[in-house]
Every structure is written in C-alpha cells, then in structure tokens.
Amino acid sequence: MKGHTEPVQAIVFSPDGNTLVSASRDRRIRLWDIQTEQPKATFAGNLGPIESLAFSADGRILVSGSWNSTIRLWDVDSGRRLGMLTGHTNRVNALAFSVDGRTLVSGSDDGTVLLWDFTQFLLQIPGDVNSDGVVNVQDLVLVASNFGQTGGDTADVNSDGVVNVQDLVLIASYFGQD
C-alpha cells in the first residue's frame, strides 16, 4: 500500500476490520480497503503532521492527533471534518476510546493526558483530576495509551518504559528491563 509522501506515523484498523487507516507526516490520512489493498479515501486539512489515530466504537468517526497540538474529528463515510479539540500545548501522540465510546483519552508530548466527553466533545472533569481535566504524567512523553477491554482501567506507556495501569488512581507500575 503506497500513497504517502512522508513517513507513516500511525496506523489503525476500523472496528469491523475491513479498513486500514494510515496517517503520515505528509498531513494526510488514507483509508485502505484490506481485501484489495486499494485506497478508499484520503482526508486532508491537518495543519501539522499526523501522529496518532483512533476510531469511535461504532466506526463512524475517526480522530487524528497532530504535531500542532490539535485533535481532529472526521466523518468516515463522507471524509468531512466534523470539528477540532484543543487543549494540549504540544503534539498529540496517543489516542484511545473507552469501550462504551463515551470517553476519548489523548496523550501529548506536553506530559498530559486529557479525558474528553465524546458525547459533547468537552473535557471531562473526573474526581481526582485537576479542574482543567488534566492528569499529570510527571512531564514524561506518553508514547501509547489504551483502555482495558472491560472499560474499567487505562494503560499508558511513557518514554522511560514505565507502564501505568490506572482507574484514575494508580493501580500498578511495571518497569521494563534494560
């Protein structure tokens, strides 16, 4: 599958497994048919290289995080940009949805994880998180994030190799071997 003119930064399968989505430093998102390996669509309009991707649970909305600190929302069927979420101050390099599809979590090089109420496209303000909806990850770069299959916890991996599993309060930290 060729089509990007710069390095590919993120890939994700659609929830039904029929579409592969790739994002690149060329500021383009490409949707590929898995069976034919042919392009289905290209989304353009990001202001910076794209670093992360995630699908909503129903597969109708794709979100992309970019180097310009924004999260863009895309209608998968039409390719139309639905909106933009702002709140980070550096590149958005991790995105994941909760199992129920109501919460989007974003991680950034600014050392923060933001929780978004995806039903209203607003920052969530859960119990122990500060009034801006920010969970501090100790100024470490978040390199991956995902919700647990049951939706009860989240996991994030920082650049120093620490994996944190948490339900808004830390459950455990796992340190990788050197």
C-alpha atoms as a PDB file:
ATOM      1  CA  MET A   1       0.000   0.000   0.000  1.00  0.00           C
ATOM      2  CA  LYS A   2       1.710   3.127  -1.212  1.00  0.00           C
ATOM      3  CA  GLY A   3       0.420   6.654  -1.257  1.00  0.00           C
ATOM      4  CA  HIS A   4       2.035   8.764   1.437  1.00  0.00           C
ATOM      5  CA  THR A   5       4.898  11.078   0.507  1.00  0.00           C
ATOM      6  CA  GLU A   6       6.395  11.243   4.018  1.00  0.00           C
ATOM      7  CA  PRO A   7       6.920   8.663   6.805  1.00  0.00           C
ATOM      8  CA  VAL A   8       3.803   6.945   8.163  1.00  0.00           C
ATOM      9  CA  GLN A   9       3.355   7.799  11.855  1.00  0.00           C
ATOM     10  CA  ALA A  10       0.178   5.903  12.796  1.00  0.00           C
ATOM     11  CA  ILE A  11      -1.995   3.028  11.595  1.00  0.00           C
ATOM     12  CA  VAL A  12      -5.278   1.653  12.909  1.00  0.00           C
ATOM     13  CA  PHE A  13      -7.890  -0.880  11.779  1.00  0.00           C
ATOM     14  CA  SER A  14     -11.554   0.068  11.613  1.00  0.00           C
ATOM     15  CA  PRO A  15     -13.706  -1.728  14.216  1.00  0.00           C
ATOM     16  CA  ASP A  16     -15.105  -4.055  11.524  1.00  0.00           C
ATOM     17  CA  GLY A  17     -11.580  -4.902  10.341  1.00  0.00           C
ATOM     18  CA  ASN A  18     -12.303  -4.080   6.686  1.00  0.00           C
ATOM     19  CA  THR A  19     -10.397  -0.796   6.516  1.00  0.00           C
ATOM     20  CA  LEU A  20      -6.853   0.118   7.442  1.00  0.00           C
ATOM     21  CA  VAL A  21      -6.164   3.789   8.105  1.00  0.00           C
ATOM     22  CA  SER A  22      -2.699   5.290   7.856  1.00  0.00           C
ATOM     23  CA  ALA A  23      -1.526   8.765   8.828  1.00  0.00           C
ATOM     24  CA  SER A  24       1.665  10.488   7.864  1.00  0.00           C
ATOM     25  CA  ARG A  25       3.930  13.458   8.226  1.00  0.00           C
ATOM     26  CA  ASP A  26       2.539  14.460   4.813  1.00  0.00           C
ATOM     27  CA  ARG A  27      -0.552  15.680   6.740  1.00  0.00           C
ATOM     28  CA  ARG A  28      -2.812  13.169   5.018  1.00  0.00           C
ATOM     29  CA  ILE A  29      -4.979  10.330   6.313  1.00  0.00           C
ATOM     30  CA  ARG A  30      -5.501   7.456   3.908  1.00  0.00           C
ATOM     31  CA  LEU A  31      -8.181   4.765   4.190  1.00  0.00           C
ATOM     32  CA  TRP A  32      -7.336   1.442   2.549  1.00  0.00           C
ATOM     33  CA  ASP A  33      -9.556  -1.498   1.601  1.00  0.00           C
ATOM     34  CA  ILE A  34      -7.991  -4.518   3.322  1.00  0.00           C
ATOM     35  CA  GLN A  35      -9.159  -7.037   0.698  1.00  0.00           C
ATOM     36  CA  THR A  36      -7.983  -5.141  -2.402  1.00  0.00           C
ATOM     37  CA  GLU A  37      -5.192  -3.095  -0.757  1.00  0.00           C
ATOM     38  CA  GLN A  38      -6.507  -0.139  -2.754  1.00  0.00           C
ATOM     39  CA  PRO A  39      -7.142   3.360  -1.380  1.00  0.00           C
ATOM     40  CA  LYS A  40     -10.742   4.111  -0.437  1.00  0.00           C
ATOM     41  CA  ALA A  41     -10.344   7.769   0.559  1.00  0.00           C
ATOM     42  CA  THR A  42      -7.885  10.459   1.556  1.00  0.00           C
ATOM     43  CA  PHE A  43      -8.591  13.055   4.243  1.00  0.00           C
ATOM     44  CA  ALA A  44      -6.618  16.297   4.118  1.00  0.00           C
ATOM     45  CA  GLY A  45      -6.705  19.516   6.100  1.00  0.00           C
ATOM     46  CA  ASN A  46      -4.479  18.842   9.086  1.00  0.00           C
ATOM     47  CA  LEU A  47      -2.269  21.798   9.939  1.00  0.00           C
ATOM     48  CA  GLY A  48       0.611  19.595  11.044  1.00  0.00           C
ATOM     49  CA  PRO A  49       1.969  16.085  10.562  1.00  0.00           C
ATOM     50  CA  ILE A  50      -0.362  13.433  11.996  1.00  0.00           C
ATOM     51  CA  GLU A  51       0.957  11.416  14.925  1.00  0.00           C
ATOM     52  CA  SER A  52      -1.994   9.331  16.184  1.00  0.00           C
ATOM     53  CA  LEU A  53      -5.346   7.825  15.154  1.00  0.00           C
ATOM     54  CA  ALA A  54      -8.358   6.185  16.811  1.00  0.00           C
ATOM     55  CA  PHE A  55     -11.816   5.023  15.717  1.00  0.00           C
ATOM     56  CA  SER A  56     -15.019   5.571  17.652  1.00  0.00           C
ATOM     57  CA  ALA A  57     -16.587   2.304  18.835  1.00  0.00           C
ATOM     58  CA  ASP A  58     -19.166   2.347  16.026  1.00  0.00           C
ATOM     59  CA  GLY A  59     -16.522   3.107  13.376  1.00  0.00           C
ATOM     60  CA  ARG A  60     -18.316   6.200  12.123  1.00  0.00           C
ATOM     61  CA  ILE A  61     -15.843   8.763  13.488  1.00  0.00           C
ATOM     62  CA  LEU A  62     -12.073   8.796  13.136  1.00  0.00           C
ATOM     63  CA  VAL A  63      -9.954  11.063  15.327  1.00  0.00           C
ATOM     64  CA  SER A  64      -6.440  12.206  14.492  1.00  0.00           C
ATOM     65  CA  GLY A  65      -3.820  13.857  16.677  1.00  0.00           C
ATOM     66  CA  SER A  66      -1.187  16.065  15.137  1.00  0.00           C
ATOM     67  CA  TRP A  67       2.053  17.895  15.781  1.00  0.00           C
ATOM     68  CA  ASN A  68       0.174  21.197  16.050  1.00  0.00           C
ATOM     69  CA  SER A  69      -1.412  20.022  19.359  1.00  0.00           C
ATOM     70  CA  THR A  70      -4.933  19.535  17.975  1.00  0.00           C
ATOM     71  CA  ILE A  71      -7.290  16.584  17.654  1.00  0.00           C
ATOM     72  CA  ARG A  72      -9.447  16.494  14.538  1.00  0.00           C
ATOM     73  CA  LEU A  73     -12.710  14.578  14.172  1.00  0.00           C
ATOM     74  CA  TRP A  74     -13.617  13.069  10.800  1.00  0.00           C
ATOM     75  CA  ASP A  75     -16.816  11.535   9.427  1.00  0.00           C
ATOM     76  CA  VAL A  76     -15.521   8.268   7.951  1.00  0.00           C
ATOM     77  CA  ASP A  77     -18.250   7.918   5.300  1.00  0.00           C
ATOM     78  CA  SER A  78     -18.072  11.435   3.867  1.00  0.00           C
ATOM     79  CA  GLY A  79     -14.494  12.415   4.762  1.00  0.00           C
ATOM     80  CA  ARG A  80     -15.870  15.655   6.170  1.00  0.00           C
ATOM     81  CA  ARG A  81     -14.090  17.237   9.113  1.00  0.00           C
ATOM     82  CA  LEU A  82     -16.567  17.373  11.992  1.00  0.00           C
ATOM     83  CA  GLY A  83     -14.564  19.504  14.383  1.00  0.00           C
ATOM     84  CA  MET A  84     -11.398  20.044  16.327  1.00  0.00           C
ATOM     85  CA  LEU A  85     -10.500  19.567  20.001  1.00  0.00           C
ATOM     86  CA  THR A  86      -7.880  21.808  21.578  1.00  0.00           C
ATOM     87  CA  GLY A  87      -6.290  21.569  24.997  1.00  0.00           C
ATOM     88  CA  HIS A  88      -2.768  20.238  24.539  1.00  0.00           C
ATOM     89  CA  THR A  89       0.244  22.507  24.110  1.00  0.00           C
ATOM     90  CA  ASN A  90       2.419  20.053  22.155  1.00  0.00           C
ATOM     91  CA  ARG A  91       1.986  17.205  19.658  1.00  0.00           C
ATOM     92  CA  VAL A  92      -0.819  14.714  20.315  1.00  0.00           C
ATOM     93  CA  ASN A  93       0.810  11.306  20.038  1.00  0.00           C
ATOM     94  CA  ALA A  94      -1.689   8.917  21.673  1.00  0.00           C
ATOM     95  CA  LEU A  95      -5.452   8.496  21.286  1.00  0.00           C
ATOM     96  CA  ALA A  96      -7.849   5.823  22.568  1.00  0.00           C
ATOM     97  CA  PHE A  97     -11.578   5.416  23.153  1.00  0.00           C
ATOM     98  CA  SER A  98     -13.259   3.800  26.129  1.00  0.00           C
ATOM     99  CA  VAL A  99     -15.150   0.567  25.436  1.00  0.00           C
ATOM    100  CA  ASP A 100     -18.510   2.364  25.685  1.00  0.00           C
ATOM    101  CA  GLY A 101     -17.309   5.049  23.239  1.00  0.00           C
ATOM    102  CA  ARG A 102     -18.220   7.909  25.563  1.00  0.00           C
ATOM    103  CA  THR A 103     -14.679   8.907  26.554  1.00  0.00           C
ATOM    104  CA  LEU A 104     -11.699   9.764  24.374  1.00  0.00           C
ATOM    105  CA  VAL A 105      -8.285   9.950  26.024  1.00  0.00           C
ATOM    106  CA  SER A 106      -5.436  11.877  24.415  1.00  0.00           C
ATOM    107  CA  GLY A 107      -1.773  11.942  25.370  1.00  0.00           C
ATOM    108  CA  SER A 108       0.727  14.580  24.389  1.00  0.00           C
ATOM    109  CA  ASP A 109       4.400  15.493  24.382  1.00  0.00           C
ATOM    110  CA  ASP A 110       3.351  18.224  26.827  1.00  0.00           C
ATOM    111  CA  GLY A 111       3.259  15.490  29.505  1.00  0.00           C
ATOM    112  CA  THR A 112      -0.512  15.452  29.938  1.00  0.00           C
ATOM    113  CA  VAL A 113      -3.361  13.047  29.359  1.00  0.00           C
ATOM    114  CA  LEU A 114      -6.698  14.702  28.624  1.00  0.00           C
ATOM    115  CA  LEU A 115     -10.046  12.955  29.033  1.00  0.00           C
ATOM    116  CA  TRP A 116     -12.810  14.095  26.669  1.00  0.00           C
ATOM    117  CA  ASP A 117     -16.559  13.525  26.995  1.00  0.00           C
ATOM    118  CA  PHE A 118     -17.019  12.375  23.419  1.00  0.00           C
ATOM    119  CA  THR A 119     -20.801  12.723  23.558  1.00  0.00           C
ATOM    120  CA  GLN A 120     -20.395  16.500  23.980  1.00  0.00           C
ATOM    121  CA  PHE A 121     -16.811  16.998  22.703  1.00  0.00           C
ATOM    122  CA  LEU A 122     -15.797  18.592  26.015  1.00  0.00           C
ATOM    123  CA  LEU A 123     -13.014  17.973  28.506  1.00  0.00           C
ATOM    124  CA  GLN A 124     -14.170  15.677  31.297  1.00  0.00           C
ATOM    125  CA  ILE A 125     -13.525  16.700  34.858  1.00  0.00           C
ATOM    126  CA  PRO A 126     -13.376  13.432  36.809  1.00  0.00           C
ATOM    127  CA  GLY A 127     -12.920  13.246  40.590  1.00  0.00           C
ATOM    128  CA  ASP A 128      -9.191  13.422  41.364  1.00  0.00           C
ATOM    129  CA  VAL A 129      -8.091  15.142  38.161  1.00  0.00           C
ATOM    130  CA  ASN A 130      -7.375  18.874  38.252  1.00  0.00           C
ATOM    131  CA  SER A 131     -10.008  21.423  37.243  1.00  0.00           C
ATOM    132  CA  ASP A 132      -8.739  21.517  33.637  1.00  0.00           C
ATOM    133  CA  GLY A 133      -9.360  17.775  33.221  1.00  0.00           C
ATOM    134  CA  VAL A 134      -5.621  17.093  33.087  1.00  0.00           C
ATOM    135  CA  VAL A 135      -3.930  14.020  34.540  1.00  0.00           C
ATOM    136  CA  ASN A 136      -0.251  14.802  35.109  1.00  0.00           C
ATOM    137  CA  VAL A 137       2.095  12.106  33.854  1.00  0.00           C
ATOM    138  CA  GLN A 138       5.160  13.610  35.513  1.00  0.00           C
ATOM    139  CA  ASP A 139       6.346  15.512  32.427  1.00  0.00           C
ATOM    140  CA  LEU A 140       7.168  12.266  30.622  1.00  0.00           C
ATOM    141  CA  VAL A 141       6.274  11.720  26.988  1.00  0.00           C
ATOM    142  CA  LEU A 142       3.259   9.461  26.545  1.00  0.00           C
ATOM    143  CA  VAL A 143       4.029   7.064  23.718  1.00  0.00           C
ATOM    144  CA  ALA A 144       0.993   4.766  23.839  1.00  0.00           C
ATOM    145  CA  SER A 145      -2.365   4.574  25.561  1.00  0.00           C
ATOM    146  CA  ASN A 146      -5.287   2.183  25.580  1.00  0.00           C
ATOM    147  CA  PHE A 147      -8.445   1.405  27.528  1.00  0.00           C
ATOM    148  CA  GLY A 148      -8.925  -2.032  29.076  1.00  0.00           C
ATOM    149  CA  GLN A 149     -11.361  -4.423  27.383  1.00  0.00           C
ATOM    150  CA  THR A 150     -13.846  -4.016  30.216  1.00  0.00           C
ATOM    151  CA  GLY A 151     -13.544  -0.235  30.247  1.00  0.00           C
ATOM    152  CA  GLY A 152     -12.572  -0.181  33.919  1.00  0.00           C
ATOM    153  CA  ASP A 153      -8.984   0.953  33.586  1.00  0.00           C
ATOM    154  CA  THR A 154      -6.500   2.659  31.291  1.00  0.00           C
ATOM    155  CA  ALA A 155      -2.901   1.875  30.478  1.00  0.00           C
ATOM    156  CA  ASP A 156      -0.248   4.281  29.297  1.00  0.00           C
ATOM    157  CA  VAL A 157       3.382   3.821  28.372  1.00  0.00           C
ATOM    158  CA  ASN A 158       5.863   6.631  28.921  1.00  0.00           C
ATOM    159  CA  SER A 159       9.159   7.215  27.130  1.00  0.00           C
ATOM    160  CA  ASP A 160      11.104   5.873  30.109  1.00  0.00           C
ATOM    161  CA  GLY A 161       9.479   2.440  29.677  1.00  0.00           C
ATOM    162  CA  VAL A 162       7.077   2.666  32.631  1.00  0.00           C
ATOM    163  CA  VAL A 163       3.617   1.191  32.059  1.00  0.00           C
ATOM    164  CA  ASN A 164       0.928   2.659  34.319  1.00  0.00           C
ATOM    165  CA  VAL A 165      -2.389   0.839  34.690  1.00  0.00           C
ATOM    166  CA  GLN A 166      -4.939   3.065  36.363  1.00  0.00           C
ATOM    167  CA  ASP A 167      -8.589   3.781  37.006  1.00  0.00           C
ATOM    168  CA  LEU A 168      -7.881   7.493  37.541  1.00  0.00           C
ATOM    169  CA  VAL A 169      -5.870   6.311  40.541  1.00  0.00           C
ATOM    170  CA  LEU A 170      -2.652   4.348  40.029  1.00  0.00           C
ATOM    171  CA  ILE A 171      -3.122   0.570  40.320  1.00  0.00           C
ATOM    172  CA  ALA A 172       0.406  -0.553  39.410  1.00  0.00           C
ATOM    173  CA  SER A 173       3.616   0.428  37.616  1.00  0.00           C
ATOM    174  CA  TYR A 174       5.654  -2.032  35.581  1.00  0.00           C
ATOM    175  CA  PHE A 175       9.276  -1.266  34.790  1.00  0.00           C
ATOM    176  CA  GLY A 176      10.835  -2.764  31.643  1.00  0.00           C
ATOM    177  CA  GLN A 177      14.223  -4.421  31.706  1.00  0.00           C
ATOM    178  CA  ASP A 178      17.222  -2.541  30.322  1.00  0.00           C
END
